[in-house]
C-alpha atoms as a PDB file:
ATOM      1  CA  MET A   1      86.377 105.468 100.303  1.00  0.00           C
ATOM      2  CA  ILE A   2      89.667 104.855 101.210  1.00  0.00           C
ATOM      3  CA  LEU A   3      92.819 104.521  98.802  1.00  0.00           C
ATOM      4  CA  ARG A   4      95.942 103.346  99.641  1.00  0.00           C
ATOM      5  CA  PRO A   5      98.451 104.522  97.845  1.00  0.00           C
ATOM      6  CA  THR A   6     102.055 103.105  97.353  1.00  0.00           C
ATOM      7  CA  LEU A   7     105.540 105.577  97.611  1.00  0.00           C
ATOM      8  CA  ILE A   8     104.347 108.933  96.166  1.00  0.00           C
ATOM      9  CA  TYR A   9     106.112 111.068  94.070  1.00  0.00           C
ATOM     10  CA  GLY A  10     106.168 114.342  91.729  1.00  0.00           C
ATOM     11  CA  LEU A  11     105.805 118.012  91.624  1.00  0.00           C
ATOM     12  CA  GLY A  12     108.988 118.276  94.006  1.00  0.00           C
ATOM     13  CA  ARG A  13     106.803 117.953  97.256  1.00  0.00           C
ATOM     14  CA  ASP A  14     107.089 114.452  98.261  1.00  0.00           C
ATOM     15  CA  LYS A  15     109.191 113.194 100.956  1.00  0.00           C
ATOM     16  CA  ASN A  16     110.433 110.535  99.030  1.00  0.00           C
ATOM     17  CA  ILE A  17     111.947 110.591  95.516  1.00  0.00           C
ATOM     18  CA  SER A  18     112.562 114.211  96.568  1.00  0.00           C
ATOM     19  CA  GLU A  19     114.563 113.482  99.373  1.00  0.00           C
ATOM     20  CA  ILE A  20     116.932 110.847  97.404  1.00  0.00           C
ATOM     21  CA  ALA A  21     117.151 113.901  94.920  1.00  0.00           C
ATOM     22  CA  ARG A  22     118.336 116.407  97.619  1.00  0.00           C
ATOM     23  CA  PHE A  23     120.841 113.917  99.092  1.00  0.00           C
ATOM     24  CA  ILE A  24     122.250 113.061  95.645  1.00  0.00           C
ATOM     25  CA  ARG A  25     122.659 116.721  94.873  1.00  0.00           C
ATOM     26  CA  ARG A  26     124.331 117.449  98.594  1.00  0.00           C
ATOM     27  CA  PHE A  27     126.372 114.408  98.643  1.00  0.00           C
ATOM     28  CA  GLY A  28     126.787 113.012  94.880  1.00  0.00           C
ATOM     29  CA  PHE A  29     125.929 109.684  96.034  1.00  0.00           C
ATOM     30  CA  PHE A  30     123.441 107.598  97.627  1.00  0.00           C
ATOM     31  CA  PRO A  31     123.782 105.049 100.254  1.00  0.00           C
ATOM     32  CA  VAL A  32     121.934 101.606 100.242  1.00  0.00           C
ATOM     33  CA  LEU A  33     121.463  98.993 102.437  1.00  0.00           C
ATOM     34  CA  GLY A  34     122.498  95.528 100.888  1.00  0.00           C
ATOM     35  CA  GLN A  35     121.214  94.802  97.463  1.00  0.00           C
ATOM     36  CA  ALA A  36     118.420  97.128  97.476  1.00  0.00           C
ATOM     37  CA  GLN A  37     116.231  94.837  95.561  1.00  0.00           C
ATOM     38  CA  GLY A  38     112.787  95.429  97.389  1.00  0.00           C
ATOM     39  CA  LEU A  39     110.455  96.375  94.729  1.00  0.00           C
ATOM     40  CA  ARG A  40     108.485  99.413  94.070  1.00  0.00           C
ATOM     41  CA  GLN A  41     105.776 101.045  92.556  1.00  0.00           C
ATOM     42  CA  PRO A  42     106.041 104.996  92.631  1.00  0.00           C
ATOM     43  CA  ILE A  43     102.811 106.607  91.852  1.00  0.00           C
ATOM     44  CA  HIS A  44     102.881 110.453  90.822  1.00  0.00           C
ATOM     45  CA  ALA A  45     100.975 112.747  92.299  1.00  0.00           C
ATOM     46  CA  GLU A  46      98.867 113.655  89.676  1.00  0.00           C
ATOM     47  CA  ASP A  47      97.841 110.001  89.068  1.00  0.00           C
ATOM     48  CA  VAL A  48      96.537 109.977  92.827  1.00  0.00           C
ATOM     49  CA  ALA A  49      94.623 113.169  92.295  1.00  0.00           C
ATOM     50  CA  ALA A  50      93.080 111.894  89.202  1.00  0.00           C
ATOM     51  CA  VAL A  51      91.887 108.754  91.109  1.00  0.00           C
ATOM     52  CA  CYS A  52      90.518 110.388  93.880  1.00  0.00           C
ATOM     53  CA  VAL A  53      88.086 112.303  91.345  1.00  0.00           C
ATOM     54  CA  SER A  54      87.119 109.115  89.608  1.00  0.00           C
ATOM     55  CA  ALA A  55      86.362 107.433  93.268  1.00  0.00           C
ATOM     56  CA  LEU A  56      84.345 110.249  93.774  1.00  0.00           C
ATOM     57  CA  GLN A  57      82.362 110.159  90.768  1.00  0.00           C
ATOM     58  CA  ALA A  58      81.658 106.319  90.947  1.00  0.00           C
ATOM     59  CA  PRO A  59      78.958 105.148  93.166  1.00  0.00           C
ATOM     60  CA  CYS A  60      80.375 101.736  93.472  1.00  0.00           C
ATOM     61  CA  ALA A  61      83.328 103.155  95.304  1.00  0.00           C
ATOM     62  CA  ALA A  62      81.194 104.004  98.467  1.00  0.00           C
ATOM     63  CA  ASN A  63      82.058 101.853 101.580  1.00  0.00           C
ATOM     64  CA  ARG A  64      85.291 100.209  99.432  1.00  0.00           C
ATOM     65  CA  ALA A  65      88.841 100.382  99.833  1.00  0.00           C
ATOM     66  CA  TYR A  66      91.007 100.265  97.003  1.00  0.00           C
ATOM     67  CA  ASN A  67      94.900  99.962  96.793  1.00  0.00           C
ATOM     68  CA  ILE A  68      96.497 102.724  93.819  1.00  0.00           C
ATOM     69  CA  SER A  69      99.807 101.797  92.940  1.00  0.00           C
ATOM     70  CA  GLY A  70     102.137 102.913  90.039  1.00  0.00           C
ATOM     71  CA  GLY A  71     102.163 101.285  86.531  1.00  0.00           C
ATOM     72  CA  GLU A  72     105.863 100.168  86.830  1.00  0.00           C
ATOM     73  CA  THR A  73     107.387  97.734  89.725  1.00  0.00           C
ATOM     74  CA  LEU A  74     111.282  98.306  89.894  1.00  0.00           C
ATOM     75  CA  ALA A  75     113.922  97.394  92.766  1.00  0.00           C
ATOM     76  CA  TYR A  76     114.715 100.174  95.129  1.00  0.00           C
ATOM     77  CA  ARG A  77     118.167 100.168  93.667  1.00  0.00           C
ATOM     78  CA  ASP A  78     116.952 100.960  89.891  1.00  0.00           C
ATOM     79  CA  MET A  79     114.473 103.687  91.223  1.00  0.00           C
ATOM     80  CA  VAL A  80     117.456 105.598  92.834  1.00  0.00           C
ATOM     81  CA  ALA A  81     119.534 104.986  89.669  1.00  0.00           C
ATOM     82  CA  ARG A  82     116.579 106.863  87.536  1.00  0.00           C
ATOM     83  CA  VAL A  83     116.885 109.693  89.993  1.00  0.00           C
ATOM     84  CA  PHE A  84     120.558 110.001  89.281  1.00  0.00           C
ATOM     85  CA  ALA A  85     119.609 110.052  85.802  1.00  0.00           C
ATOM     86  CA  ALA A  86     116.942 112.751  86.178  1.00  0.00           C
ATOM     87  CA  LEU A  87     119.454 114.846  87.780  1.00  0.00           C
ATOM     88  CA  GLY A  88     121.880 114.423  84.640  1.00  0.00           C
ATOM     89  CA  ARG A  89     124.465 112.361  86.881  1.00  0.00           C
ATOM     90  CA  THR A  90     126.075 109.032  86.784  1.00  0.00           C
ATOM     91  CA  PRO A  91     124.406 106.601  89.667  1.00  0.00           C
ATOM     92  CA  ARG A  92     126.798 106.264  92.464  1.00  0.00           C
ATOM     93  CA  LEU A  93     125.343 104.097  94.910  1.00  0.00           C
ATOM     94  CA  ALA A  94     127.179 103.222  98.339  1.00  0.00           C
ATOM     95  CA  THR A  95     126.169  99.523  99.704  1.00  0.00           C
ATOM     96  CA  VAL A  96     126.511 100.266 103.598  1.00  0.00           C
ATOM     97  CA  PRO A  97     126.391  97.699 106.334  1.00  0.00           C
ATOM     98  CA  LEU A  98     123.239  97.788 108.692  1.00  0.00           C
ATOM     99  CA  TRP A  99     125.780  99.196 111.880  1.00  0.00           C
ATOM    100  CA  ALA A 100     127.232 101.649 109.691  1.00  0.00           C
ATOM    101  CA  PHE A 101     123.967 102.701 108.113  1.00  0.00           C
ATOM    102  CA  ARG A 102     122.380 103.296 111.895  1.00  0.00           C
ATOM    103  CA  LEU A 103     125.537 104.848 112.899  1.00  0.00           C
ATOM    104  CA  ALA A 104     124.947 107.615 109.793  1.00  0.00           C
ATOM    105  CA  VAL A 105     121.299 107.960 110.440  1.00  0.00           C
ATOM    106  CA  THR A 106     122.019 109.044 113.828  1.00  0.00           C
ATOM    107  CA  VAL A 107     124.586 111.786 112.871  1.00  0.00           C
ATOM    108  CA  LEU A 108     122.448 112.877 110.236  1.00  0.00           C
ATOM    109  CA  ARG A 109     119.357 113.282 112.016  1.00  0.00           C
ATOM    110  CA  CYS A 110     121.432 115.950 114.299  1.00  0.00           C
ATOM    111  CA  LEU A 111     120.359 117.837 110.764  1.00  0.00           C
ATOM    112  CA  PRO A 112     116.639 119.257 110.335  1.00  0.00           C
ATOM    113  CA  ARG A 113     116.396 118.001 107.163  1.00  0.00           C
ATOM    114  CA  TYR A 114     117.011 114.451 107.946  1.00  0.00           C
ATOM    115  CA  ARG A 115     115.155 114.285 111.586  1.00  0.00           C
ATOM    116  CA  GLN A 116     112.146 112.208 110.237  1.00  0.00           C
ATOM    117  CA  TRP A 117     114.916 109.556 109.085  1.00  0.00           C
ATOM    118  CA  SER A 118     115.321 106.013 110.385  1.00  0.00           C
ATOM    119  CA  ALA A 119     117.477 102.739 110.119  1.00  0.00           C
ATOM    120  CA  ALA A 120     113.894 101.029 109.586  1.00  0.00           C
ATOM    121  CA  MET A 121     113.877 103.093 106.205  1.00  0.00           C
ATOM    122  CA  ALA A 122     116.905 101.771 105.231  1.00  0.00           C
ATOM    123  CA  GLU A 123     116.077  98.447 106.181  1.00  0.00           C
ATOM    124  CA  ARG A 124     112.736  98.567 103.739  1.00  0.00           C
ATOM    125  CA  MET A 125     115.046  98.670 101.015  1.00  0.00           C
ATOM    126  CA  ASN A 126     114.988  95.395 100.711  1.00  0.00           C
ATOM    127  CA  ARG A 127     111.448  94.705 101.000  1.00  0.00           C
ATOM    128  CA  ASP A 128     108.609  94.343  98.588  1.00  0.00           C
ATOM    129  CA  LEU A 129     106.171  97.253  98.736  1.00  0.00           C
ATOM    130  CA  VAL A 130     103.799  96.229  95.842  1.00  0.00           C
ATOM    131  CA  PHE A 131     100.350  96.021  95.835  1.00  0.00           C
ATOM    132  CA  GLU A 132      97.693  95.068  92.696  1.00  0.00           C
ATOM    133  CA  HIS A 133      95.427  97.802  91.574  1.00  0.00           C
ATOM    134  CA  THR A 134      93.505  95.761  89.240  1.00  0.00           C
ATOM    135  CA  GLU A 135      90.114  96.648  91.399  1.00  0.00           C
ATOM    136  CA  ALA A 136      91.300 100.478  91.064  1.00  0.00           C
ATOM    137  CA  ALA A 137      91.633 100.067  87.612  1.00  0.00           C
ATOM    138  CA  ARG A 138      88.523  97.912  87.193  1.00  0.00           C
ATOM    139  CA  ASP A 139      85.999  99.969  88.979  1.00  0.00           C
ATOM    140  CA  LEU A 140      87.625 103.594  88.476  1.00  0.00           C
ATOM    141  CA  GLY A 141      89.380 103.145  85.209  1.00  0.00           C
ATOM    142  CA  PHE A 142      92.397 103.968  87.030  1.00  0.00           C
ATOM    143  CA  LYS A 143      95.673 103.942  84.501  1.00  0.00           C
ATOM    144  CA  PRO A 144      98.514 105.032  86.233  1.00  0.00           C
ATOM    145  CA  ARG A 145     101.594 106.338  84.489  1.00  0.00           C
ATOM    146  CA  CYS A 146     105.080 104.241  84.450  1.00  0.00           C
ATOM    147  CA  PHE A 147     107.952 106.064  86.871  1.00  0.00           C
ATOM    148  CA  ALA A 148     109.533 108.381  84.790  1.00  0.00           C
ATOM    149  CA  LEU A 149     110.977 111.929  86.296  1.00  0.00           C
ATOM    150  CA  ASN A 150     111.020 114.912  85.010  1.00  0.00           C
ATOM    151  CA  ALA A 151     112.277 118.486  85.615  1.00  0.00           C
ATOM    152  CA  GLU A 152     109.057 119.493  87.533  1.00  0.00           C
ATOM    153  CA  ASP A 153     109.176 116.431  89.792  1.00  0.00           C
ATOM    154  CA  LEU A 154     112.493 117.180  91.571  1.00  0.00           C
ATOM    155  CA  PRO A 155     112.851 119.832  94.268  1.00  0.00           C
END
């Protein structure tokens, strides 16, 4: 059985929402490329764990692959705004042209925390990365939560 999760967040250990939160705390703003309207379905790590357990107990899951996504679809820009809200800050998103983003990423990659960053990450801000999880809901009883951050979800 294969489970294909979308953007995983939660417990302050992920490499997605937690990195956005760290950047916001450090710099007070978050850079976005263009309109940053690519759709996302963040899935909480606890929901991923729960569906893993369900899949192990479901005979029909053998030799199957399932998309597992969060219970809500939202634009990248809106997802980042919710991180600001969870941090108790007013959203400050800076729209940056691609050439400037590439330059900034090149500079940031000199810092150990940002070595894995790339311009491709920014370009994906405007691409939809959403997947139906109806088969997982049907076969595994999968019911993911909406994207809601609490203190335990942030580093």
